[in-house]
Amino acid sequence: MMKPLLFAFVFLSACQTKNTKKENLQSTEEMKSKTDTTLIASLEVDSVVTLTDSISVLFLVNNPTEDTLRFTQYHTPFEGFMSNFLTITDEKGNEVSYIGAMTRRVMPPPEDTYHSLAPGQTDSVRFILNKGYRFDKAGLYTIQYNGGSVNGLSSDTIVKLNIQ
């Protein structure tokens, strides 16, 4: 009596393992699919400026996919300084103070806040960094876009800025 039950238990356990592997394979495929449909955000800035300069930054959103995709301008420079969409730190890891507005927004975002990008297209906006962030001293800074959790933009670009 024990041998048939043991056999049934081992057989069912093996079946469960196969299902788990199939689910993991499906999750991997889903992740790959999501990665293939992501808009990419990046920043461009002159690497050396002076403390009294207006620091011009170019924010770009690129669609590397074969589909037309869209994103909301929430938490991007396309809406101006309405949120702290950048992480800026000095050489010691101290965060630079954000001095722009902090706006509450309607969720889900209204249709007129969306930008559409055709396959291979890039949209961009230029903004003055020190209108939204306070730089008190010269030094080496790192800048990274952090607003992607709100609008789905992907970014792993870190730019360096040397303020003299």
C-alpha atoms as a PDB file:
ATOM      1  CA  MET A   1       0.000   0.000   0.000  1.00  0.00           C
ATOM      2  CA  MET A   2       2.851   2.403   0.806  1.00  0.00           C
ATOM      3  CA  LYS A   3       4.665   1.792  -2.497  1.00  0.00           C
ATOM      4  CA  PRO A   4       1.753   2.935  -4.738  1.00  0.00           C
ATOM      5  CA  LEU A   5       1.275   6.077  -2.620  1.00  0.00           C
ATOM      6  CA  LEU A   6       5.002   6.834  -2.689  1.00  0.00           C
ATOM      7  CA  PHE A   7       5.059   6.316  -6.470  1.00  0.00           C
ATOM      8  CA  ALA A   8       2.044   8.618  -6.907  1.00  0.00           C
ATOM      9  CA  PHE A   9       3.667  11.303  -4.730  1.00  0.00           C
ATOM     10  CA  VAL A  10       6.960  11.172  -6.667  1.00  0.00           C
ATOM     11  CA  PHE A  11       5.105  11.204 -10.007  1.00  0.00           C
ATOM     12  CA  LEU A  12       2.970  14.218  -9.041  1.00  0.00           C
ATOM     13  CA  SER A  13       6.014  16.044  -7.675  1.00  0.00           C
ATOM     14  CA  ALA A  14       7.811  15.556 -10.972  1.00  0.00           C
ATOM     15  CA  CYS A  15       4.796  16.893 -12.857  1.00  0.00           C
ATOM     16  CA  GLN A  16       4.731  19.964 -10.616  1.00  0.00           C
ATOM     17  CA  THR A  17       8.414  20.650 -11.299  1.00  0.00           C
ATOM     18  CA  LYS A  18       7.774  20.562 -15.052  1.00  0.00           C
ATOM     19  CA  ASN A  19       4.916  23.057 -14.676  1.00  0.00           C
ATOM     20  CA  THR A  20       7.137  25.395 -12.639  1.00  0.00           C
ATOM     21  CA  LYS A  21       9.827  25.269 -15.319  1.00  0.00           C
ATOM     22  CA  LYS A  22       7.216  26.080 -17.965  1.00  0.00           C
ATOM     23  CA  GLU A  23       5.938  29.036 -15.905  1.00  0.00           C
ATOM     24  CA  ASN A  24       9.510  30.318 -15.491  1.00  0.00           C
ATOM     25  CA  LEU A  25      10.014  30.020 -19.252  1.00  0.00           C
ATOM     26  CA  GLN A  26       6.814  31.969 -19.843  1.00  0.00           C
ATOM     27  CA  SER A  27       7.929  34.656 -17.337  1.00  0.00           C
ATOM     28  CA  THR A  28      11.260  34.954 -19.135  1.00  0.00           C
ATOM     29  CA  GLU A  29       9.470  35.365 -22.465  1.00  0.00           C
ATOM     30  CA  GLU A  30       7.138  37.977 -20.965  1.00  0.00           C
ATOM     31  CA  MET A  31      10.119  39.931 -19.571  1.00  0.00           C
ATOM     32  CA  LYS A  32      11.874  39.760 -22.941  1.00  0.00           C
ATOM     33  CA  SER A  33       8.706  41.008 -24.612  1.00  0.00           C
ATOM     34  CA  LYS A  34       8.426  43.943 -22.178  1.00  0.00           C
ATOM     35  CA  THR A  35      12.083  44.846 -22.695  1.00  0.00           C
ATOM     36  CA  ASP A  36      11.550  44.885 -26.450  1.00  0.00           C
ATOM     37  CA  THR A  37       8.738  47.439 -26.073  1.00  0.00           C
ATOM     38  CA  THR A  38      10.443  50.021 -23.896  1.00  0.00           C
ATOM     39  CA  LEU A  39      11.209  53.631 -24.721  1.00  0.00           C
ATOM     40  CA  ILE A  40      14.737  54.689 -23.752  1.00  0.00           C
ATOM     41  CA  ALA A  41      15.453  58.018 -22.030  1.00  0.00           C
ATOM     42  CA  SER A  42      18.917  59.600 -22.048  1.00  0.00           C
ATOM     43  CA  LEU A  43      20.626  62.854 -21.099  1.00  0.00           C
ATOM     44  CA  GLU A  44      23.302  64.939 -22.791  1.00  0.00           C
ATOM     45  CA  VAL A  45      25.186  67.759 -21.095  1.00  0.00           C
ATOM     46  CA  ASP A  46      28.491  69.592 -21.606  1.00  0.00           C
ATOM     47  CA  SER A  47      30.967  67.847 -19.356  1.00  0.00           C
ATOM     48  CA  VAL A  48      32.633  71.039 -18.077  1.00  0.00           C
ATOM     49  CA  VAL A  49      30.848  74.272 -17.087  1.00  0.00           C
ATOM     50  CA  THR A  50      31.376  77.077 -14.596  1.00  0.00           C
ATOM     51  CA  LEU A  51      29.275  77.651 -11.491  1.00  0.00           C
ATOM     52  CA  THR A  52      27.802  80.838 -13.007  1.00  0.00           C
ATOM     53  CA  ASP A  53      26.824  79.216 -16.338  1.00  0.00           C
ATOM     54  CA  SER A  54      23.307  78.227 -17.295  1.00  0.00           C
ATOM     55  CA  ILE A  55      23.670  74.451 -17.511  1.00  0.00           C
ATOM     56  CA  SER A  56      21.877  73.283 -20.640  1.00  0.00           C
ATOM     57  CA  VAL A  57      20.755  69.634 -20.702  1.00  0.00           C
ATOM     58  CA  LEU A  58      19.222  67.726 -23.598  1.00  0.00           C
ATOM     59  CA  PHE A  59      16.682  65.054 -22.596  1.00  0.00           C
ATOM     60  CA  LEU A  60      16.008  62.477 -25.316  1.00  0.00           C
ATOM     61  CA  VAL A  61      13.433  59.700 -25.586  1.00  0.00           C
ATOM     62  CA  ASN A  62      14.121  57.078 -28.264  1.00  0.00           C
ATOM     63  CA  ASN A  63      11.865  54.338 -29.596  1.00  0.00           C
ATOM     64  CA  PRO A  64      14.141  51.428 -30.610  1.00  0.00           C
ATOM     65  CA  THR A  65      11.193  49.108 -31.281  1.00  0.00           C
ATOM     66  CA  GLU A  66       9.210  48.278 -34.415  1.00  0.00           C
ATOM     67  CA  ASP A  67       5.976  49.637 -32.909  1.00  0.00           C
ATOM     68  CA  THR A  68       4.643  53.123 -32.245  1.00  0.00           C
ATOM     69  CA  LEU A  69       4.836  53.672 -28.480  1.00  0.00           C
ATOM     70  CA  ARG A  70       3.765  56.486 -26.206  1.00  0.00           C
ATOM     71  CA  PHE A  71       4.677  57.924 -22.821  1.00  0.00           C
ATOM     72  CA  THR A  72       3.223  60.528 -20.504  1.00  0.00           C
ATOM     73  CA  GLN A  73       5.202  63.705 -19.944  1.00  0.00           C
ATOM     74  CA  TYR A  74       4.691  63.294 -16.183  1.00  0.00           C
ATOM     75  CA  HIS A  75       8.075  63.275 -14.416  1.00  0.00           C
ATOM     76  CA  THR A  76       9.997  64.381 -17.495  1.00  0.00           C
ATOM     77  CA  PRO A  77      11.385  67.757 -18.568  1.00  0.00           C
ATOM     78  CA  PHE A  78       8.659  67.858 -21.253  1.00  0.00           C
ATOM     79  CA  GLU A  79       6.400  69.262 -18.503  1.00  0.00           C
ATOM     80  CA  GLY A  80       9.050  71.580 -17.052  1.00  0.00           C
ATOM     81  CA  PHE A  81      10.169  71.446 -13.438  1.00  0.00           C
ATOM     82  CA  MET A  82       6.987  69.985 -11.975  1.00  0.00           C
ATOM     83  CA  SER A  83       8.762  67.116 -10.202  1.00  0.00           C
ATOM     84  CA  ASN A  84      12.193  65.965  -9.106  1.00  0.00           C
ATOM     85  CA  PHE A  85      12.886  63.739 -12.139  1.00  0.00           C
ATOM     86  CA  LEU A  86      16.684  63.651 -11.751  1.00  0.00           C
ATOM     87  CA  THR A  87      19.023  62.245  -9.151  1.00  0.00           C
ATOM     88  CA  ILE A  88      22.068  64.496  -8.900  1.00  0.00           C
ATOM     89  CA  THR A  89      24.881  63.772  -6.470  1.00  0.00           C
ATOM     90  CA  ASP A  90      28.262  65.306  -5.776  1.00  0.00           C
ATOM     91  CA  GLU A  91      31.572  63.433  -5.385  1.00  0.00           C
ATOM     92  CA  LYS A  92      30.750  62.551  -1.759  1.00  0.00           C
ATOM     93  CA  GLY A  93      27.302  61.164  -2.620  1.00  0.00           C
ATOM     94  CA  ASN A  94      25.398  64.193  -1.300  1.00  0.00           C
ATOM     95  CA  GLU A  95      22.223  64.877  -3.266  1.00  0.00           C
ATOM     96  CA  VAL A  96      21.816  68.275  -4.920  1.00  0.00           C
ATOM     97  CA  SER A  97      18.700  70.126  -3.705  1.00  0.00           C
ATOM     98  CA  TYR A  98      15.688  70.221  -6.005  1.00  0.00           C
ATOM     99  CA  ILE A  99      14.169  73.729  -6.033  1.00  0.00           C
ATOM    100  CA  GLY A 100      11.374  73.279  -8.594  1.00  0.00           C
ATOM    101  CA  ALA A 101       7.680  72.707  -8.045  1.00  0.00           C
ATOM    102  CA  MET A 102       6.222  69.436  -6.769  1.00  0.00           C
ATOM    103  CA  THR A 103       2.905  68.925  -8.517  1.00  0.00           C
ATOM    104  CA  ARG A 104       0.113  66.501  -7.708  1.00  0.00           C
ATOM    105  CA  ARG A 105      -1.278  64.954 -10.841  1.00  0.00           C
ATOM    106  CA  VAL A 106      -4.453  63.306 -12.040  1.00  0.00           C
ATOM    107  CA  MET A 107      -4.118  59.533 -12.417  1.00  0.00           C
ATOM    108  CA  PRO A 108      -4.390  58.019 -14.877  1.00  0.00           C
ATOM    109  CA  PRO A 109      -2.732  60.794 -16.889  1.00  0.00           C
ATOM    110  CA  PRO A 110      -5.048  62.670 -19.279  1.00  0.00           C
ATOM    111  CA  GLU A 111      -4.725  61.853 -22.971  1.00  0.00           C
ATOM    112  CA  ASP A 112      -3.176  65.258 -23.780  1.00  0.00           C
ATOM    113  CA  THR A 113      -0.127  64.498 -21.596  1.00  0.00           C
ATOM    114  CA  TYR A 114       1.038  61.675 -23.873  1.00  0.00           C
ATOM    115  CA  HIS A 115       3.715  61.804 -26.574  1.00  0.00           C
ATOM    116  CA  SER A 116       3.760  59.195 -29.368  1.00  0.00           C
ATOM    117  CA  LEU A 117       6.961  57.976 -30.979  1.00  0.00           C
ATOM    118  CA  ALA A 118       7.065  56.068 -34.248  1.00  0.00           C
ATOM    119  CA  PRO A 119       9.576  53.219 -34.653  1.00  0.00           C
ATOM    120  CA  GLY A 120      13.135  54.546 -34.592  1.00  0.00           C
ATOM    121  CA  GLN A 121      11.975  58.086 -33.746  1.00  0.00           C
ATOM    122  CA  THR A 122      13.512  60.289 -31.038  1.00  0.00           C
ATOM    123  CA  ASP A 123      11.826  63.197 -29.266  1.00  0.00           C
ATOM    124  CA  SER A 124      13.816  65.686 -27.213  1.00  0.00           C
ATOM    125  CA  VAL A 125      13.593  68.766 -25.058  1.00  0.00           C
ATOM    126  CA  ARG A 126      16.327  71.085 -23.804  1.00  0.00           C
ATOM    127  CA  PHE A 127      16.165  72.576 -20.315  1.00  0.00           C
ATOM    128  CA  ILE A 128      18.328  74.642 -17.964  1.00  0.00           C
ATOM    129  CA  LEU A 129      19.393  72.374 -15.103  1.00  0.00           C
ATOM    130  CA  ASN A 130      20.100  75.089 -12.532  1.00  0.00           C
ATOM    131  CA  LYS A 131      16.540  76.428 -12.820  1.00  0.00           C
ATOM    132  CA  GLY A 132      15.386  73.306 -10.965  1.00  0.00           C
ATOM    133  CA  TYR A 133      18.447  72.262  -8.950  1.00  0.00           C
ATOM    134  CA  ARG A 134      20.689  74.313  -6.640  1.00  0.00           C
ATOM    135  CA  PHE A 135      24.430  73.973  -7.262  1.00  0.00           C
ATOM    136  CA  ASP A 136      26.228  75.722  -4.396  1.00  0.00           C
ATOM    137  CA  LYS A 137      29.812  74.768  -5.147  1.00  0.00           C
ATOM    138  CA  ALA A 138      32.163  73.639  -7.854  1.00  0.00           C
ATOM    139  CA  GLY A 139      32.870  69.924  -8.164  1.00  0.00           C
ATOM    140  CA  LEU A 140      32.156  66.719 -10.028  1.00  0.00           C
ATOM    141  CA  TYR A 141      28.480  65.674 -10.188  1.00  0.00           C
ATOM    142  CA  THR A 142      26.631  62.645 -11.513  1.00  0.00           C
ATOM    143  CA  ILE A 143      23.192  63.025 -13.057  1.00  0.00           C
ATOM    144  CA  GLN A 144      20.679  60.257 -13.693  1.00  0.00           C
ATOM    145  CA  TYR A 145      17.054  60.306 -14.862  1.00  0.00           C
ATOM    146  CA  ASN A 146      14.762  58.750 -12.217  1.00  0.00           C
ATOM    147  CA  GLY A 147      11.194  59.362 -13.452  1.00  0.00           C
ATOM    148  CA  GLY A 148      10.708  56.097 -15.309  1.00  0.00           C
ATOM    149  CA  SER A 149       8.591  54.452 -12.625  1.00  0.00           C
ATOM    150  CA  VAL A 150       5.805  56.932 -13.413  1.00  0.00           C
ATOM    151  CA  ASN A 151       5.897  56.930 -17.219  1.00  0.00           C
ATOM    152  CA  GLY A 152       7.616  53.653 -18.108  1.00  0.00           C
ATOM    153  CA  LEU A 153      10.709  55.187 -19.682  1.00  0.00           C
ATOM    154  CA  SER A 154      13.838  53.122 -19.257  1.00  0.00           C
ATOM    155  CA  SER A 155      17.153  54.775 -18.472  1.00  0.00           C
ATOM    156  CA  ASP A 156      20.462  53.553 -17.195  1.00  0.00           C
ATOM    157  CA  THR A 157      22.465  56.518 -18.486  1.00  0.00           C
ATOM    158  CA  ILE A 158      24.574  58.371 -15.937  1.00  0.00           C
ATOM    159  CA  VAL A 159      26.230  61.586 -17.085  1.00  0.00           C
ATOM    160  CA  LYS A 160      29.119  63.367 -15.383  1.00  0.00           C
ATOM    161  CA  LEU A 161      29.217  67.125 -14.953  1.00  0.00           C
ATOM    162  CA  ASN A 162      32.307  69.029 -13.867  1.00  0.00           C
ATOM    163  CA  ILE A 163      31.421  72.448 -12.458  1.00  0.00           C
ATOM    164  CA  GLN A 164      34.455  74.712 -12.097  1.00  0.00           C
END
